[in-house]
């Protein structure tokens, strides 16, 4: 029954509002905001909110807002615009400006890097995970973007396809891509 917002340092950084009354349930942190949505997941038996801030990815206890873990992630211009993708006890994040993609593993109150690569750097659109692979648009806006497939286990590139800047979703095992030309 919460509305979760990444609002930035001046307002409490991450807010949880009662979705009916709008009253603040909790606020946590003093990080500058990122641009993606806050994700909610069960990891290691704990229900948590995960916010991709301007300079870090942070996990919060969903009931209290207590910070559970954090991992630094610095990009040019502090633009972390994708929404974290949770797969089992792992969190996938990616940023544009040639920053790259990483798969983090959450261990209770700590987090470790499983792998990191620059073979996928999604600027705005979050990648998708399907059937042991990550699919995402590599590059910033403009005609140079490419649709990339990485192996989830190790981040190895399987293929890439010239798409141009765009977005994608996966439905019933089919990738549906929209580029800047349609």
N, C-alpha and C. Protein backbone atom coordinates (compact mmCIF):
# COMPACT_ATOMS: atom_id res chain seq x y z
N UNK A 1 0.81 -1.21 0.00
CA UNK A 1 0.00 0.00 0.00
C UNK A 1 0.85 1.26 0.00
N UNK A 2 2.02 1.19 -0.63
CA UNK A 2 2.94 2.32 -0.64
C UNK A 2 3.16 2.85 -2.04
N UNK A 3 3.38 4.14 -2.12
CA UNK A 3 3.87 4.80 -3.32
C UNK A 3 5.32 5.14 -3.02
N UNK A 4 6.25 4.58 -3.80
CA UNK A 4 7.67 4.79 -3.57
C UNK A 4 8.21 5.79 -4.57
N UNK A 5 8.94 6.78 -4.05
CA UNK A 5 9.45 7.86 -4.90
C UNK A 5 10.93 8.10 -4.62
N UNK A 6 11.68 8.32 -5.67
CA UNK A 6 13.08 8.73 -5.57
C UNK A 6 13.08 10.23 -5.83
N UNK A 7 13.16 11.03 -4.75
CA UNK A 7 12.95 12.48 -4.89
C UNK A 7 14.20 13.31 -4.70
N UNK A 8 15.27 12.75 -4.19
CA UNK A 8 16.50 13.50 -4.04
C UNK A 8 16.74 14.00 -2.63
N UNK A 9 17.96 14.50 -2.42
CA UNK A 9 18.48 14.82 -1.09
C UNK A 9 17.64 15.84 -0.32
N UNK A 10 17.10 16.83 -0.96
CA UNK A 10 16.39 17.90 -0.25
C UNK A 10 15.10 17.43 0.40
N UNK A 11 14.53 16.33 -0.05
CA UNK A 11 13.22 15.87 0.45
C UNK A 11 13.28 14.54 1.20
N UNK A 12 14.47 14.03 1.48
CA UNK A 12 14.57 12.74 2.16
C UNK A 12 15.05 11.64 1.26
N UNK A 13 15.43 11.95 0.04
CA UNK A 13 16.01 11.04 -0.94
C UNK A 13 15.03 9.99 -1.45
N UNK A 14 14.63 9.02 -0.62
CA UNK A 14 13.64 8.04 -1.02
C UNK A 14 12.47 8.13 -0.07
N UNK A 15 11.26 8.23 -0.63
CA UNK A 15 10.05 8.38 0.17
C UNK A 15 9.10 7.22 -0.06
N UNK A 16 8.42 6.84 1.02
CA UNK A 16 7.32 5.88 0.93
C UNK A 16 6.09 6.61 1.45
N UNK A 17 5.09 6.75 0.59
CA UNK A 17 3.85 7.42 0.97
C UNK A 17 2.72 6.41 1.03
N UNK A 18 1.78 6.61 1.95
CA UNK A 18 0.57 5.80 1.99
C UNK A 18 -0.18 6.10 0.70
N UNK A 19 -0.49 5.08 -0.08
CA UNK A 19 -1.10 5.33 -1.40
C UNK A 19 -2.52 5.87 -1.33
N UNK A 20 -3.19 5.73 -0.19
CA UNK A 20 -4.55 6.23 -0.05
C UNK A 20 -4.56 7.66 0.49
N UNK A 21 -3.78 7.92 1.56
CA UNK A 21 -3.82 9.23 2.21
C UNK A 21 -2.74 10.19 1.72
N UNK A 22 -1.66 9.65 1.17
CA UNK A 22 -0.55 10.49 0.74
C UNK A 22 0.39 10.87 1.87
N UNK A 23 0.13 10.39 3.07
CA UNK A 23 0.99 10.71 4.21
C UNK A 23 2.31 9.94 4.11
N UNK A 24 3.36 10.59 4.58
CA UNK A 24 4.68 9.97 4.56
C UNK A 24 4.74 8.81 5.56
N UNK A 25 5.09 7.62 5.09
CA UNK A 25 5.28 6.45 5.93
C UNK A 25 6.73 6.41 6.41
N UNK A 26 7.66 6.64 5.48
CA UNK A 26 9.07 6.78 5.83
C UNK A 26 9.80 7.55 4.75
N UNK A 27 10.93 8.14 5.14
CA UNK A 27 11.85 8.74 4.19
C UNK A 27 13.25 8.37 4.64
N UNK A 28 14.12 8.16 3.67
CA UNK A 28 15.43 7.63 3.99
C UNK A 28 16.50 8.19 3.07
N UNK A 29 17.66 8.47 3.63
CA UNK A 29 18.83 8.83 2.85
C UNK A 29 18.94 10.30 2.52
N UNK A 30 20.10 10.63 1.96
CA UNK A 30 20.36 12.00 1.53
C UNK A 30 21.06 12.04 0.17
N UNK A 31 20.83 11.00 -0.63
CA UNK A 31 21.42 10.92 -1.97
C UNK A 31 20.67 11.81 -2.94
N UNK A 32 21.38 12.27 -3.97
CA UNK A 32 20.70 12.91 -5.09
C UNK A 32 19.93 11.84 -5.85
N UNK A 33 18.82 12.22 -6.42
CA UNK A 33 17.94 11.26 -7.11
C UNK A 33 18.54 10.79 -8.43
N UNK A 34 18.14 9.58 -8.81
CA UNK A 34 18.38 9.09 -10.16
C UNK A 34 17.13 9.41 -10.97
N UNK A 35 16.97 8.76 -12.11
CA UNK A 35 15.84 9.06 -12.98
C UNK A 35 14.91 7.87 -13.17
N UNK A 36 15.26 6.70 -12.69
CA UNK A 36 14.45 5.50 -12.87
C UNK A 36 13.42 5.35 -11.76
N UNK A 37 12.57 4.38 -11.92
CA UNK A 37 11.57 4.07 -10.90
C UNK A 37 12.19 3.21 -9.80
N UNK A 38 11.62 3.27 -8.61
CA UNK A 38 12.04 2.42 -7.51
C UNK A 38 11.47 1.02 -7.74
N UNK A 39 12.31 0.00 -7.62
CA UNK A 39 11.88 -1.39 -7.78
C UNK A 39 11.57 -1.98 -6.41
N UNK A 40 10.67 -2.96 -6.38
CA UNK A 40 10.35 -3.69 -5.15
C UNK A 40 10.60 -5.16 -5.42
N UNK A 41 11.26 -5.83 -4.46
CA UNK A 41 11.59 -7.24 -4.68
C UNK A 41 11.76 -7.96 -3.35
N UNK A 42 11.62 -9.28 -3.41
CA UNK A 42 11.97 -10.16 -2.30
C UNK A 42 13.35 -10.73 -2.61
N UNK A 43 14.32 -10.40 -1.78
CA UNK A 43 15.67 -10.92 -1.97
C UNK A 43 16.12 -11.50 -0.64
N UNK A 44 16.51 -12.77 -0.67
CA UNK A 44 16.97 -13.42 0.55
C UNK A 44 15.92 -13.42 1.65
N UNK A 45 14.65 -13.49 1.26
CA UNK A 45 13.56 -13.52 2.23
C UNK A 45 13.17 -12.16 2.78
N UNK A 46 13.80 -11.08 2.30
CA UNK A 46 13.44 -9.73 2.76
C UNK A 46 12.78 -8.95 1.64
N UNK A 47 11.69 -8.28 1.98
CA UNK A 47 10.99 -7.42 1.02
C UNK A 47 11.69 -6.06 1.05
N UNK A 48 12.14 -5.59 -0.10
CA UNK A 48 12.90 -4.35 -0.13
C UNK A 48 12.55 -3.47 -1.31
N UNK A 49 12.82 -2.18 -1.12
CA UNK A 49 12.75 -1.19 -2.18
C UNK A 49 14.17 -0.96 -2.67
N UNK A 50 14.34 -0.84 -3.97
CA UNK A 50 15.67 -0.66 -4.56
C UNK A 50 15.63 0.59 -5.43
N UNK A 51 16.46 1.57 -5.07
CA UNK A 51 16.49 2.85 -5.78
C UNK A 51 17.86 3.05 -6.43
N UNK A 52 17.84 3.44 -7.70
CA UNK A 52 19.05 3.71 -8.47
C UNK A 52 19.30 5.20 -8.39
N UNK A 53 20.12 5.62 -7.46
CA UNK A 53 20.39 7.02 -7.18
C UNK A 53 21.38 7.61 -8.19
N UNK A 54 21.72 8.89 -8.02
CA UNK A 54 22.65 9.55 -8.92
C UNK A 54 24.05 8.93 -8.88
N UNK A 55 24.45 8.39 -7.72
CA UNK A 55 25.80 7.85 -7.61
C UNK A 55 25.86 6.47 -6.95
N UNK A 56 24.72 5.81 -6.77
CA UNK A 56 24.72 4.49 -6.11
C UNK A 56 23.40 3.78 -6.35
N UNK A 57 23.42 2.48 -6.12
CA UNK A 57 22.20 1.67 -6.06
C UNK A 57 22.03 1.31 -4.59
N UNK A 58 20.79 1.49 -4.06
CA UNK A 58 20.57 1.34 -2.63
C UNK A 58 19.35 0.47 -2.39
N UNK A 59 19.48 -0.48 -1.44
CA UNK A 59 18.36 -1.32 -1.02
C UNK A 59 17.87 -0.86 0.33
N UNK A 60 16.53 -0.73 0.48
CA UNK A 60 15.90 -0.27 1.72
C UNK A 60 14.91 -1.32 2.22
N UNK A 61 14.82 -1.47 3.53
CA UNK A 61 13.76 -2.28 4.11
C UNK A 61 12.43 -1.63 3.73
N UNK A 62 11.51 -2.40 3.16
CA UNK A 62 10.27 -1.83 2.65
C UNK A 62 9.37 -1.28 3.75
N UNK A 63 9.40 -1.87 4.93
CA UNK A 63 8.52 -1.41 6.01
C UNK A 63 9.05 -0.18 6.73
N UNK A 64 10.35 -0.12 6.96
CA UNK A 64 10.90 0.96 7.80
C UNK A 64 11.70 2.01 7.04
N UNK A 65 12.19 1.67 5.84
CA UNK A 65 13.05 2.58 5.10
C UNK A 65 14.51 2.50 5.51
N UNK A 66 14.84 1.60 6.41
CA UNK A 66 16.22 1.43 6.84
C UNK A 66 17.07 0.97 5.66
N UNK A 67 18.23 1.61 5.48
CA UNK A 67 19.12 1.20 4.40
C UNK A 67 19.70 -0.17 4.72
N UNK A 68 19.56 -1.10 3.79
CA UNK A 68 20.07 -2.46 3.96
C UNK A 68 21.44 -2.64 3.33
N UNK A 69 21.63 -2.06 2.15
CA UNK A 69 22.88 -2.19 1.42
C UNK A 69 23.01 -1.08 0.40
N UNK A 70 24.23 -0.90 -0.09
CA UNK A 70 24.49 0.10 -1.13
C UNK A 70 25.71 -0.30 -1.93
N UNK A 71 25.72 0.08 -3.21
CA UNK A 71 26.87 -0.13 -4.08
C UNK A 71 27.06 1.13 -4.91
N UNK A 72 28.25 1.66 -4.89
CA UNK A 72 28.56 2.88 -5.63
C UNK A 72 28.47 2.63 -7.14
N UNK A 73 27.92 3.60 -7.87
CA UNK A 73 27.81 3.51 -9.34
C UNK A 73 27.81 4.92 -9.88
N UNK A 74 28.94 5.37 -10.36
CA UNK A 74 29.12 6.75 -10.81
C UNK A 74 29.08 6.81 -12.33
N UNK A 75 28.33 7.77 -12.85
CA UNK A 75 28.24 7.96 -14.30
C UNK A 75 28.49 9.43 -14.64
N UNK A 76 28.74 9.69 -15.91
CA UNK A 76 28.83 11.07 -16.36
C UNK A 76 27.50 11.76 -16.12
N UNK A 77 27.54 12.97 -15.65
CA UNK A 77 26.36 13.79 -15.43
C UNK A 77 25.42 13.23 -14.36
N UNK A 78 25.84 12.21 -13.62
CA UNK A 78 24.99 11.58 -12.59
C UNK A 78 23.66 11.10 -13.14
N UNK A 79 23.69 10.58 -14.38
CA UNK A 79 22.46 10.11 -15.02
C UNK A 79 22.36 8.59 -14.90
N UNK A 80 21.61 8.14 -13.93
CA UNK A 80 21.23 6.74 -13.80
C UNK A 80 19.72 6.70 -14.02
N UNK A 81 19.33 6.38 -15.24
CA UNK A 81 17.94 6.56 -15.65
C UNK A 81 17.15 5.27 -15.81
N UNK A 82 17.80 4.14 -15.76
CA UNK A 82 17.07 2.88 -15.91
C UNK A 82 16.53 2.42 -14.55
N UNK A 83 15.58 1.52 -14.58
CA UNK A 83 15.03 0.93 -13.37
C UNK A 83 15.78 -0.36 -13.09
N UNK A 84 16.19 -0.59 -11.84
CA UNK A 84 16.90 -1.84 -11.51
C UNK A 84 16.05 -3.06 -11.87
N UNK A 85 16.70 -4.09 -12.38
CA UNK A 85 16.04 -5.35 -12.73
C UNK A 85 16.49 -6.39 -11.72
N UNK A 86 15.54 -7.02 -11.05
CA UNK A 86 15.85 -8.03 -10.04
C UNK A 86 15.62 -9.42 -10.63
N UNK A 87 16.61 -10.29 -10.45
CA UNK A 87 16.51 -11.68 -10.89
C UNK A 87 17.08 -12.55 -9.78
N UNK A 88 16.22 -13.26 -9.09
CA UNK A 88 16.59 -14.07 -7.93
C UNK A 88 17.23 -13.16 -6.88
N UNK A 89 18.48 -13.41 -6.46
CA UNK A 89 19.15 -12.55 -5.49
C UNK A 89 20.09 -11.56 -6.16
N UNK A 90 19.86 -11.31 -7.43
CA UNK A 90 20.73 -10.42 -8.20
C UNK A 90 19.98 -9.17 -8.63
N UNK A 91 20.73 -8.08 -8.77
CA UNK A 91 20.18 -6.82 -9.25
C UNK A 91 21.03 -6.37 -10.42
N UNK A 92 20.39 -6.12 -11.56
CA UNK A 92 21.06 -5.66 -12.77
C UNK A 92 20.83 -4.17 -12.92
N UNK A 93 21.93 -3.42 -13.12
CA UNK A 93 21.82 -1.99 -13.39
C UNK A 93 22.68 -1.65 -14.60
N UNK A 94 22.27 -0.62 -15.31
CA UNK A 94 23.02 -0.17 -16.48
C UNK A 94 22.80 1.32 -16.67
N UNK A 95 23.82 1.97 -17.22
CA UNK A 95 23.75 3.41 -17.49
C UNK A 95 24.43 3.71 -18.80
N UNK A 96 24.01 4.80 -19.43
CA UNK A 96 24.58 5.25 -20.70
C UNK A 96 25.92 5.94 -20.51
N UNK A 97 26.28 6.76 -21.50
CA UNK A 97 27.55 7.49 -21.52
C UNK A 97 28.74 6.53 -21.37
N UNK A 98 28.63 5.36 -22.01
CA UNK A 98 29.68 4.34 -22.01
C UNK A 98 30.01 3.79 -20.62
N UNK A 99 29.08 3.93 -19.67
CA UNK A 99 29.33 3.44 -18.32
C UNK A 99 29.29 1.93 -18.27
N UNK A 100 28.23 1.31 -18.79
CA UNK A 100 28.16 -0.14 -18.85
C UNK A 100 27.02 -0.74 -18.06
N UNK A 101 27.17 -2.01 -17.72
CA UNK A 101 26.16 -2.80 -17.03
C UNK A 101 26.85 -3.67 -16.00
N UNK A 102 26.18 -3.92 -14.89
CA UNK A 102 26.73 -4.81 -13.87
C UNK A 102 25.62 -5.66 -13.27
N UNK A 103 26.00 -6.85 -12.85
CA UNK A 103 25.09 -7.73 -12.12
C UNK A 103 25.63 -7.84 -10.70
N UNK A 104 24.82 -7.39 -9.75
CA UNK A 104 25.18 -7.41 -8.34
C UNK A 104 24.44 -8.55 -7.66
N UNK A 105 25.07 -9.16 -6.66
CA UNK A 105 24.42 -10.19 -5.85
C UNK A 105 24.24 -9.65 -4.45
N UNK A 106 23.00 -9.72 -3.95
CA UNK A 106 22.69 -9.22 -2.61
C UNK A 106 22.81 -10.39 -1.63
N UNK A 107 23.58 -10.16 -0.57
CA UNK A 107 23.78 -11.15 0.49
C UNK A 107 23.31 -10.51 1.80
N UNK A 108 22.03 -10.56 2.10
CA UNK A 108 21.52 -9.96 3.33
C UNK A 108 21.74 -8.46 3.36
N UNK A 109 22.70 -8.02 4.14
CA UNK A 109 22.99 -6.58 4.30
C UNK A 109 24.21 -6.12 3.50
N UNK A 110 24.69 -6.97 2.62
CA UNK A 110 25.83 -6.57 1.80
C UNK A 110 25.56 -6.93 0.34
N UNK A 111 26.39 -6.40 -0.53
CA UNK A 111 26.23 -6.62 -1.96
C UNK A 111 27.61 -6.79 -2.57
N UNK A 112 27.71 -7.68 -3.57
CA UNK A 112 28.97 -7.88 -4.27
C UNK A 112 28.73 -7.85 -5.77
N UNK A 113 29.77 -7.55 -6.51
CA UNK A 113 29.69 -7.50 -7.97
C UNK A 113 29.96 -8.89 -8.53
N UNK A 114 28.97 -9.40 -9.27
CA UNK A 114 29.13 -10.71 -9.92
C UNK A 114 29.94 -10.54 -11.21
N UNK A 115 29.58 -9.53 -12.00
CA UNK A 115 30.34 -9.17 -13.19
C UNK A 115 29.98 -7.75 -13.62
N UNK A 116 30.86 -7.17 -14.43
CA UNK A 116 30.65 -5.82 -14.96
C UNK A 116 31.27 -5.77 -16.35
N UNK A 117 30.57 -5.11 -17.29
CA UNK A 117 31.08 -4.97 -18.65
C UNK A 117 30.57 -3.67 -19.27
N UNK A 118 31.28 -3.20 -20.28
CA UNK A 118 30.85 -2.01 -21.04
C UNK A 118 30.16 -2.41 -22.34
N UNK A 119 29.87 -3.69 -22.51
CA UNK A 119 29.25 -4.17 -23.76
C UNK A 119 27.78 -3.80 -23.88
N UNK A 120 27.19 -3.30 -22.80
CA UNK A 120 25.82 -2.80 -22.82
C UNK A 120 25.76 -1.59 -21.90
N UNK A 121 25.42 -0.45 -22.46
CA UNK A 121 25.29 0.79 -21.68
C UNK A 121 23.97 1.44 -22.08
N UNK A 122 22.90 1.06 -21.40
CA UNK A 122 21.56 1.57 -21.73
C UNK A 122 21.35 2.93 -21.08
N UNK A 123 20.99 3.89 -21.89
CA UNK A 123 20.83 5.25 -21.42
C UNK A 123 19.53 5.46 -20.65
N UNK A 124 18.39 5.15 -21.27
CA UNK A 124 17.09 5.39 -20.64
C UNK A 124 16.28 4.12 -20.42
N UNK A 125 16.20 3.28 -21.42
CA UNK A 125 15.33 2.11 -21.36
C UNK A 125 15.99 0.96 -20.63
N UNK A 126 15.29 0.42 -19.64
CA UNK A 126 15.82 -0.72 -18.89
C UNK A 126 15.86 -1.95 -19.79
N UNK A 127 16.91 -2.76 -19.64
CA UNK A 127 16.95 -4.02 -20.40
C UNK A 127 15.92 -5.00 -19.84
N UNK A 128 15.81 -6.14 -20.49
CA UNK A 128 14.95 -7.21 -20.00
C UNK A 128 15.79 -8.48 -19.84
N UNK A 129 15.37 -9.33 -18.93
CA UNK A 129 16.01 -10.63 -18.75
C UNK A 129 14.99 -11.69 -19.17
N UNK A 130 15.45 -12.58 -20.04
CA UNK A 130 14.58 -13.68 -20.47
C UNK A 130 15.45 -14.88 -20.84
N UNK A 131 15.09 -16.01 -20.32
CA UNK A 131 15.70 -17.29 -20.67
C UNK A 131 17.23 -17.27 -20.56
N UNK A 132 17.73 -16.74 -19.44
CA UNK A 132 19.17 -16.75 -19.19
C UNK A 132 19.97 -15.71 -19.95
N UNK A 133 19.27 -14.74 -20.55
CA UNK A 133 19.95 -13.71 -21.32
C UNK A 133 19.41 -12.32 -20.98
N UNK A 134 20.24 -11.32 -21.22
CA UNK A 134 19.87 -9.92 -21.04
C UNK A 134 19.78 -9.30 -22.43
N UNK A 135 18.70 -8.60 -22.68
CA UNK A 135 18.52 -7.90 -23.95
C UNK A 135 18.35 -6.43 -23.63
N UNK A 136 19.13 -5.57 -24.31
CA UNK A 136 19.02 -4.15 -24.04
C UNK A 136 19.53 -3.33 -25.20
N UNK A 137 19.19 -2.04 -25.18
CA UNK A 137 19.64 -1.11 -26.21
C UNK A 137 20.91 -0.43 -25.70
N UNK A 138 22.00 -0.65 -26.42
CA UNK A 138 23.29 -0.08 -26.07
C UNK A 138 23.45 1.28 -26.72
N UNK A 139 23.78 2.27 -25.93
CA UNK A 139 24.05 3.60 -26.46
C UNK A 139 23.06 4.63 -25.99
N UNK A 140 23.41 5.88 -26.23
CA UNK A 140 22.53 7.00 -25.89
C UNK A 140 21.54 7.20 -27.01
N UNK A 141 20.74 8.24 -26.94
CA UNK A 141 19.76 8.48 -28.00
C UNK A 141 20.48 8.72 -29.33
N UNK A 142 19.79 8.54 -30.40
CA UNK A 142 20.38 8.76 -31.72
C UNK A 142 20.48 7.48 -32.51
N UNK A 143 20.98 7.58 -33.73
CA UNK A 143 20.96 6.45 -34.66
C UNK A 143 22.00 5.36 -34.38
N UNK A 144 22.91 5.56 -33.45
CA UNK A 144 23.98 4.60 -33.24
C UNK A 144 23.63 3.45 -32.30
N UNK A 145 22.47 3.45 -31.70
CA UNK A 145 22.11 2.41 -30.74
C UNK A 145 22.06 1.03 -31.37
N UNK A 146 22.38 0.02 -30.55
CA UNK A 146 22.34 -1.36 -31.01
C UNK A 146 21.61 -2.22 -30.00
N UNK A 147 20.83 -3.16 -30.48
CA UNK A 147 20.20 -4.15 -29.63
C UNK A 147 21.26 -5.20 -29.32
N UNK A 148 21.47 -5.46 -28.02
CA UNK A 148 22.55 -6.35 -27.58
C UNK A 148 21.96 -7.49 -26.75
N UNK A 149 22.55 -8.67 -26.92
CA UNK A 149 22.20 -9.83 -26.10
C UNK A 149 23.45 -10.25 -25.33
N UNK A 150 23.32 -10.29 -24.00
CA UNK A 150 24.40 -10.75 -23.13
C UNK A 150 23.94 -12.00 -22.39
N UNK A 151 24.86 -12.87 -22.09
CA UNK A 151 24.57 -14.03 -21.26
C UNK A 151 24.44 -13.54 -19.81
N UNK A 152 23.37 -13.93 -19.14
CA UNK A 152 23.13 -13.47 -17.78
C UNK A 152 24.20 -13.96 -16.79
N UNK A 153 24.65 -15.18 -16.92
CA UNK A 153 25.56 -15.77 -15.94
C UNK A 153 26.90 -15.05 -15.85
N UNK A 154 27.45 -14.61 -17.00
CA UNK A 154 28.80 -14.03 -16.98
C UNK A 154 28.91 -12.70 -17.70
N UNK A 155 27.83 -12.23 -18.33
CA UNK A 155 27.87 -10.95 -19.03
C UNK A 155 28.54 -11.00 -20.39
N UNK A 156 28.77 -12.20 -20.90
CA UNK A 156 29.41 -12.35 -22.21
C UNK A 156 28.44 -11.96 -23.32
N UNK A 157 28.95 -11.24 -24.32
CA UNK A 157 28.10 -10.82 -25.44
C UNK A 157 27.84 -12.00 -26.36
N UNK A 158 26.56 -12.17 -26.74
CA UNK A 158 26.16 -13.22 -27.68
C UNK A 158 25.97 -12.67 -29.08
N UNK A 159 25.34 -11.49 -29.18
CA UNK A 159 25.16 -10.85 -30.48
C UNK A 159 24.76 -9.39 -30.29
N UNK A 160 24.83 -8.63 -31.39
CA UNK A 160 24.33 -7.26 -31.41
C UNK A 160 23.76 -6.96 -32.79
N UNK A 161 22.78 -6.07 -32.82
CA UNK A 161 22.03 -5.77 -34.04
C UNK A 161 21.81 -4.26 -34.11
N UNK A 162 22.11 -3.64 -35.24
CA UNK A 162 21.93 -2.19 -35.39
C UNK A 162 20.44 -1.87 -35.36
N UNK A 163 20.04 -1.12 -34.34
CA UNK A 163 18.64 -0.77 -34.13
C UNK A 163 18.42 0.73 -34.18
N UNK A 164 19.40 1.49 -33.72
CA UNK A 164 19.22 2.92 -33.47
C UNK A 164 18.73 3.07 -32.04
N UNK A 165 18.66 4.29 -31.57
CA UNK A 165 18.14 4.52 -30.22
C UNK A 165 16.74 3.98 -30.10
N UNK A 166 16.39 3.38 -28.97
CA UNK A 166 15.06 2.83 -28.85
C UNK A 166 14.80 2.17 -27.52
N UNK A 167 13.74 1.40 -27.50
CA UNK A 167 13.31 0.72 -26.28
C UNK A 167 12.81 -0.67 -26.64
N UNK A 168 12.63 -1.50 -25.59
CA UNK A 168 12.14 -2.84 -25.85
C UNK A 168 11.42 -3.38 -24.63
N UNK A 169 10.57 -4.35 -24.89
CA UNK A 169 9.92 -5.16 -23.86
C UNK A 169 9.97 -6.60 -24.35
N UNK A 170 9.71 -7.53 -23.45
CA UNK A 170 9.62 -8.93 -23.81
C UNK A 170 8.24 -9.43 -23.41
N UNK A 171 7.52 -10.02 -24.35
CA UNK A 171 6.18 -10.55 -24.09
C UNK A 171 6.09 -11.94 -24.71
N UNK A 172 5.79 -12.93 -23.88
CA UNK A 172 5.65 -14.32 -24.34
C UNK A 172 6.89 -14.78 -25.11
N UNK A 173 8.07 -14.35 -24.64
CA UNK A 173 9.32 -14.78 -25.26
C UNK A 173 9.66 -14.06 -26.54
N UNK A 174 8.93 -13.01 -26.88
CA UNK A 174 9.18 -12.25 -28.09
C UNK A 174 9.64 -10.85 -27.69
N UNK A 175 10.78 -10.41 -28.27
CA UNK A 175 11.26 -9.05 -28.03
C UNK A 175 10.49 -8.10 -28.95
N UNK A 176 9.92 -7.08 -28.36
CA UNK A 176 9.21 -6.06 -29.13
C UNK A 176 10.02 -4.79 -28.98
N UNK A 177 10.59 -4.32 -30.09
CA UNK A 177 11.49 -3.18 -30.07
C UNK A 177 10.87 -1.99 -30.81
N UNK A 178 11.09 -0.82 -30.26
CA UNK A 178 10.63 0.42 -30.88
C UNK A 178 11.84 1.31 -30.99
N UNK A 179 12.23 1.66 -32.22
CA UNK A 179 13.36 2.57 -32.36
C UNK A 179 12.84 3.98 -32.68
N UNK A 180 13.75 4.90 -32.86
CA UNK A 180 13.36 6.30 -33.06
C UNK A 180 12.58 6.53 -34.36
N UNK A 181 12.63 5.58 -35.27
CA UNK A 181 11.89 5.68 -36.52
C UNK A 181 10.61 4.86 -36.48
N UNK A 182 10.36 4.20 -35.36
CA UNK A 182 9.17 3.36 -35.22
C UNK A 182 9.50 1.91 -35.21
